[in-house]
PDB file of N, CA and C in Angstrom:
ATOM      1  N   MET A   1      18.951 -18.924 -23.724  1.00  0.00           N
ATOM      2  CA  MET A   1      18.515 -17.724 -23.027  1.00  0.00           C
ATOM      3  C   MET A   1      19.604 -16.662 -23.186  1.00  0.00           C
ATOM      4  N   GLY A   2      19.192 -15.468 -23.622  1.00  0.00           N
ATOM      5  CA  GLY A   2      20.137 -14.388 -23.819  1.00  0.00           C
ATOM      6  C   GLY A   2      20.498 -13.700 -22.511  1.00  0.00           C
ATOM      7  N   LYS A   3      21.446 -12.776 -22.597  1.00  0.00           N
ATOM      8  CA  LYS A   3      21.904 -12.055 -21.405  1.00  0.00           C
ATOM      9  C   LYS A   3      20.776 -11.252 -20.760  1.00  0.00           C
ATOM     10  N   LEU A   4      19.941 -10.608 -21.576  1.00  0.00           N
ATOM     11  CA  LEU A   4      18.857  -9.794 -21.035  1.00  0.00           C
ATOM     12  C   LEU A   4      17.841 -10.655 -20.287  1.00  0.00           C
ATOM     13  N   GLU A   5      17.480 -11.788 -20.852  1.00  0.00           N
ATOM     14  CA  GLU A   5      16.526 -12.679 -20.190  1.00  0.00           C
ATOM     15  C   GLU A   5      17.102 -13.215 -18.880  1.00  0.00           C
ATOM     16  N   CYS A   6      18.376 -13.525 -18.899  1.00  0.00           N
ATOM     17  CA  CYS A   6      19.050 -14.024 -17.696  1.00  0.00           C
ATOM     18  C   CYS A   6      19.070 -12.947 -16.615  1.00  0.00           C
ATOM     19  N   PHE A   7      19.355 -11.697 -17.010  1.00  0.00           N
ATOM     20  CA  PHE A   7      19.370 -10.584 -16.071  1.00  0.00           C
ATOM     21  C   PHE A   7      17.986 -10.372 -15.466  1.00  0.00           C
ATOM     22  N   LYS A   8      16.954 -10.383 -16.303  1.00  0.00           N
ATOM     23  CA  LYS A   8      15.584 -10.190 -15.819  1.00  0.00           C
ATOM     24  C   LYS A   8      15.208 -11.284 -14.833  1.00  0.00           C
ATOM     25  N   ASP A   9      15.570 -12.522 -15.149  1.00  0.00           N
ATOM     26  CA  ASP A   9      15.252 -13.646 -14.275  1.00  0.00           C
ATOM     27  C   ASP A   9      15.966 -13.495 -12.935  1.00  0.00           C
ATOM     28  N   ASN A  10      17.236 -13.113 -12.962  1.00  0.00           N
ATOM     29  CA  ASN A  10      17.990 -12.943 -11.723  1.00  0.00           C
ATOM     30  C   ASN A  10      17.446 -11.791 -10.889  1.00  0.00           C
ATOM     31  N   LEU A  11      17.086 -10.679 -11.540  1.00  0.00           N
ATOM     32  CA  LEU A  11      16.541  -9.534 -10.823  1.00  0.00           C
ATOM     33  C   LEU A  11      15.205  -9.888 -10.184  1.00  0.00           C
ATOM     34  N   LEU A  12      14.348 -10.557 -10.921  1.00  0.00           N
ATOM     35  CA  LEU A  12      13.046 -10.958 -10.400  1.00  0.00           C
ATOM     36  C   LEU A  12      13.209 -11.886  -9.201  1.00  0.00           C
ATOM     37  N   THR A  13      14.109 -12.832  -9.293  1.00  0.00           N
ATOM     38  CA  THR A  13      14.381 -13.752  -8.184  1.00  0.00           C
ATOM     39  C   THR A  13      14.883 -12.986  -6.966  1.00  0.00           C
ATOM     40  N   PHE A  14      15.784 -12.046  -7.189  1.00  0.00           N
ATOM     41  CA  PHE A  14      16.351 -11.241  -6.112  1.00  0.00           C
ATOM     42  C   PHE A  14      15.267 -10.426  -5.414  1.00  0.00           C
ATOM     43  N   LEU A  15      14.411  -9.755  -6.205  1.00  0.00           N
ATOM     44  CA  LEU A  15      13.347  -8.938  -5.627  1.00  0.00           C
ATOM     45  C   LEU A  15      12.325  -9.790  -4.866  1.00  0.00           C
ATOM     46  N   ARG A  16      12.018 -10.954  -5.394  1.00  0.00           N
ATOM     47  CA  ARG A  16      11.089 -11.857  -4.696  1.00  0.00           C
ATOM     48  C   ARG A  16      11.651 -12.320  -3.359  1.00  0.00           C
ATOM     49  N   ARG A  17      12.943 -12.587  -3.319  1.00  0.00           N
ATOM     50  CA  ARG A  17      13.576 -13.000  -2.057  1.00  0.00           C
ATOM     51  C   ARG A  17      13.495 -11.886  -1.022  1.00  0.00           C
ATOM     52  N   GLU A  18      13.778 -10.650  -1.468  1.00  0.00           N
ATOM     53  CA  GLU A  18      13.689  -9.513  -0.550  1.00  0.00           C
ATOM     54  C   GLU A  18      12.263  -9.345  -0.041  1.00  0.00           C
ATOM     55  N   LYS A  19      11.289  -9.470  -0.934  1.00  0.00           N
ATOM     56  CA  LYS A  19       9.883  -9.325  -0.549  1.00  0.00           C
ATOM     57  C   LYS A  19       9.495 -10.402   0.456  1.00  0.00           C
ATOM     58  N   ASP A  20       9.818 -11.644   0.155  1.00  0.00           N
ATOM     59  CA  ASP A  20       9.467 -12.762   1.033  1.00  0.00           C
ATOM     60  C   ASP A  20      10.118 -12.627   2.414  1.00  0.00           C
ATOM     61  N   ALA A  21      11.332 -12.076   2.444  1.00  0.00           N
ATOM     62  CA  ALA A  21      12.053 -11.902   3.708  1.00  0.00           C
ATOM     63  C   ALA A  21      11.605 -10.641   4.449  1.00  0.00           C
ATOM     64  N   LYS A  22      10.760  -9.819   3.796  1.00  0.00           N
ATOM     65  CA  LYS A  22      10.301  -8.539   4.363  1.00  0.00           C
ATOM     66  C   LYS A  22      11.494  -7.689   4.788  1.00  0.00           C
ATOM     67  N   LEU A  23      12.506  -7.684   3.935  1.00  0.00           N
ATOM     68  CA  LEU A  23      13.736  -6.947   4.185  1.00  0.00           C
ATOM     69  C   LEU A  23      13.491  -5.450   4.096  1.00  0.00           C
ATOM     70  N   LYS A  24      13.856  -4.718   5.118  1.00  0.00           N
ATOM     71  CA  LYS A  24      13.723  -3.261   5.124  1.00  0.00           C
ATOM     72  C   LYS A  24      14.998  -2.644   4.556  1.00  0.00           C
ATOM     73  N   GLY A  25      14.844  -1.625   3.726  1.00  0.00           N
ATOM     74  CA  GLY A  25      15.995  -0.912   3.190  1.00  0.00           C
ATOM     75  C   GLY A  25      16.603  -1.532   1.951  1.00  0.00           C
ATOM     76  N   GLY A  26      16.033  -2.611   1.466  1.00  0.00           N
ATOM     77  CA  GLY A  26      16.546  -3.242   0.254  1.00  0.00           C
ATOM     78  C   GLY A  26      15.969  -2.579  -0.991  1.00  0.00           C
ATOM     79  N   ILE A  27      16.314  -3.103  -2.127  1.00  0.00           N
ATOM     80  CA  ILE A  27      15.847  -2.550  -3.404  1.00  0.00           C
ATOM     81  C   ILE A  27      14.329  -2.659  -3.508  1.00  0.00           C
ATOM     82  N   TYR A  28      13.763  -3.801  -3.148  1.00  0.00           N
ATOM     83  CA  TYR A  28      12.313  -3.983  -3.235  1.00  0.00           C
ATOM     84  C   TYR A  28      11.593  -2.973  -2.343  1.00  0.00           C
ATOM     85  N   HIS A  29      12.080  -2.801  -1.131  1.00  0.00           N
ATOM     86  CA  HIS A  29      11.478  -1.857  -0.194  1.00  0.00           C
ATOM     87  C   HIS A  29      11.544  -0.430  -0.738  1.00  0.00           C
ATOM     88  N   LYS A  30      12.675  -0.049  -1.288  1.00  0.00           N
ATOM     89  CA  LYS A  30      12.849   1.292  -1.867  1.00  0.00           C
ATOM     90  C   LYS A  30      11.879   1.516  -3.024  1.00  0.00           C
ATOM     91  N   ILE A  31      11.730   0.534  -3.884  1.00  0.00           N
ATOM     92  CA  ILE A  31      10.812   0.656  -5.017  1.00  0.00           C
ATOM     93  C   ILE A  31       9.384   0.818  -4.510  1.00  0.00           C
ATOM     94  N   GLN A  32       8.993   0.039  -3.499  1.00  0.00           N
ATOM     95  CA  GLN A  32       7.647   0.145  -2.939  1.00  0.00           C
ATOM     96  C   GLN A  32       7.401   1.533  -2.352  1.00  0.00           C
ATOM     97  N   LEU A  33       8.382   2.067  -1.630  1.00  0.00           N
ATOM     98  CA  LEU A  33       8.243   3.406  -1.058  1.00  0.00           C
ATOM     99  C   LEU A  33       8.097   4.462  -2.154  1.00  0.00           C
ATOM    100  N   ASP A  34       8.925   4.355  -3.189  1.00  0.00           N
ATOM    101  CA  ASP A  34       8.864   5.325  -4.293  1.00  0.00           C
ATOM    102  C   ASP A  34       7.530   5.249  -5.024  1.00  0.00           C
ATOM    103  N   PHE A  35       7.057   4.056  -5.303  1.00  0.00           N
ATOM    104  CA  PHE A  35       5.772   3.911  -5.980  1.00  0.00           C
ATOM    105  C   PHE A  35       4.629   4.457  -5.125  1.00  0.00           C
ATOM    106  N   THR A  36       4.671   4.184  -3.831  1.00  0.00           N
ATOM    107  CA  THR A  36       3.633   4.688  -2.927  1.00  0.00           C
ATOM    108  C   THR A  36       3.645   6.207  -2.897  1.00  0.00           C
ATOM    109  N   TYR A  37       4.847   6.778  -2.754  1.00  0.00           N
ATOM    110  CA  TYR A  37       4.963   8.239  -2.725  1.00  0.00           C
ATOM    111  C   TYR A  37       4.437   8.848  -4.023  1.00  0.00           C
ATOM    112  N   ASN A  38       4.872   8.322  -5.154  1.00  0.00           N
ATOM    113  CA  ASN A  38       4.468   8.889  -6.437  1.00  0.00           C
ATOM    114  C   ASN A  38       2.972   8.738  -6.674  1.00  0.00           C
ATOM    115  N   SER A  39       2.412   7.617  -6.284  1.00  0.00           N
ATOM    116  CA  SER A  39       0.981   7.402  -6.445  1.00  0.00           C
ATOM    117  C   SER A  39       0.192   8.402  -5.596  1.00  0.00           C
ATOM    118  N   ASN A  40       0.601   8.569  -4.354  1.00  0.00           N
ATOM    119  CA  ASN A  40      -0.085   9.512  -3.474  1.00  0.00           C
ATOM    120  C   ASN A  40       0.117  10.955  -3.935  1.00  0.00           C
ATOM    121  N   HIS A  41       1.300  11.256  -4.457  1.00  0.00           N
ATOM    122  CA  HIS A  41       1.588  12.603  -4.950  1.00  0.00           C
ATOM    123  C   HIS A  41       0.669  12.934  -6.130  1.00  0.00           C
ATOM    124  N   ILE A  42       0.486  11.986  -7.016  1.00  0.00           N
ATOM    125  CA  ILE A  42      -0.389  12.180  -8.176  1.00  0.00           C
ATOM    126  C   ILE A  42      -1.827  12.432  -7.698  1.00  0.00           C
ATOM    127  N   GLU A  43      -2.222  11.755  -6.618  1.00  0.00           N
ATOM    128  CA  GLU A  43      -3.580  11.906  -6.094  1.00  0.00           C
ATOM    129  C   GLU A  43      -3.755  13.151  -5.237  1.00  0.00           C
ATOM    130  N   GLY A  44      -2.688  13.919  -5.046  1.00  0.00           N
ATOM    131  CA  GLY A  44      -2.795  15.183  -4.324  1.00  0.00           C
ATOM    132  C   GLY A  44      -2.407  15.153  -2.863  1.00  0.00           C
ATOM    133  N   SER A  45      -1.757  14.092  -2.407  1.00  0.00           N
ATOM    134  CA  SER A  45      -1.317  14.017  -1.017  1.00  0.00           C
ATOM    135  C   SER A  45      -0.241  15.071  -0.765  1.00  0.00           C
ATOM    136  N   SER A  46      -0.263  15.651   0.440  1.00  0.00           N
ATOM    137  CA  SER A  46       0.724  16.683   0.770  1.00  0.00           C
ATOM    138  C   SER A  46       1.910  16.127   1.550  1.00  0.00           C
ATOM    139  N   LEU A  47       1.967  14.811   1.725  1.00  0.00           N
ATOM    140  CA  LEU A  47       3.106  14.220   2.427  1.00  0.00           C
ATOM    141  C   LEU A  47       4.373  14.371   1.604  1.00  0.00           C
ATOM    142  N   THR A  48       5.474  14.609   2.289  1.00  0.00           N
ATOM    143  CA  THR A  48       6.766  14.639   1.605  1.00  0.00           C
ATOM    144  C   THR A  48       7.262  13.209   1.464  1.00  0.00           C
ATOM    145  N   GLN A  49       8.262  13.033   0.623  1.00  0.00           N
ATOM    146  CA  GLN A  49       8.788  11.684   0.436  1.00  0.00           C
ATOM    147  C   GLN A  49       9.390  11.175   1.740  1.00  0.00           C
ATOM    148  N   LYS A  50      10.030  12.035   2.508  1.00  0.00           N
ATOM    149  CA  LYS A  50      10.629  11.613   3.771  1.00  0.00           C
ATOM    150  C   LYS A  50       9.550  11.185   4.769  1.00  0.00           C
ATOM    151  N   SER A  51       8.478  11.964   4.889  1.00  0.00           N
ATOM    152  CA  SER A  51       7.429  11.587   5.841  1.00  0.00           C
ATOM    153  C   SER A  51       6.712  10.322   5.393  1.00  0.00           C
ATOM    154  N   LYS A  52       6.579  10.117   4.078  1.00  0.00           N
ATOM    155  CA  LYS A  52       5.959   8.896   3.564  1.00  0.00           C
ATOM    156  C   LYS A  52       6.833   7.695   3.887  1.00  0.00           C
ATOM    157  N   SER A  53       8.150   7.856   3.774  1.00  0.00           N
ATOM    158  CA  SER A  53       9.065   6.767   4.099  1.00  0.00           C
ATOM    159  C   SER A  53       8.947   6.394   5.565  1.00  0.00           C
ATOM    160  N   CYS A  54       8.842   7.385   6.431  1.00  0.00           N
ATOM    161  CA  CYS A  54       8.699   7.113   7.865  1.00  0.00           C
ATOM    162  C   CYS A  54       7.375   6.428   8.140  1.00  0.00           C
ATOM    163  N   SER A  55       6.334   6.888   7.498  1.00  0.00           N
ATOM    164  CA  SER A  55       5.019   6.301   7.689  1.00  0.00           C
ATOM    165  C   SER A  55       5.016   4.832   7.267  1.00  0.00           C
ATOM    166  N   ASN A  56       5.578   4.535   6.110  1.00  0.00           N
ATOM    167  CA  ASN A  56       5.625   3.155   5.634  1.00  0.00           C
ATOM    168  C   ASN A  56       6.508   2.286   6.529  1.00  0.00           C
ATOM    169  N   PHE A  57       7.594   2.870   7.035  1.00  0.00           N
ATOM    170  CA  PHE A  57       8.501   2.105   7.866  1.00  0.00           C
ATOM    171  C   PHE A  57       7.787   1.638   9.136  1.00  0.00           C
ATOM    172  N   TYR A  58       7.009   2.518   9.756  1.00  0.00           N
ATOM    173  CA  TYR A  58       6.360   2.169  11.006  1.00  0.00           C
ATOM    174  C   TYR A  58       5.076   1.373  10.827  1.00  0.00           C
ATOM    175  N   ASN A  59       4.491   1.403   9.648  1.00  0.00           N
ATOM    176  CA  ASN A  59       3.236   0.689   9.414  1.00  0.00           C
ATOM    177  C   ASN A  59       3.434  -0.702   8.811  1.00  0.00           C
ATOM    178  N   ARG A  60       4.603  -1.135   8.573  1.00  0.00           N
ATOM    179  CA  ARG A  60       4.844  -2.456   7.978  1.00  0.00           C
ATOM    180  C   ARG A  60       4.882  -3.515   9.033  1.00  0.00           C
TER     181      ARG A  60
END
């Protein structure tokens, strides 16, 4: 296994642990917030990234 494959495996394991633990403020949580914001922005939502972060924080 090369360095890149090892890195991908470690990152995936790390993100899965954060997801399973429902950790707030971690890398997985940040990625989910960014994807949600960008998806809604593309669809025409007028929420700001800050208000979307607050909304997701309280609805989890």
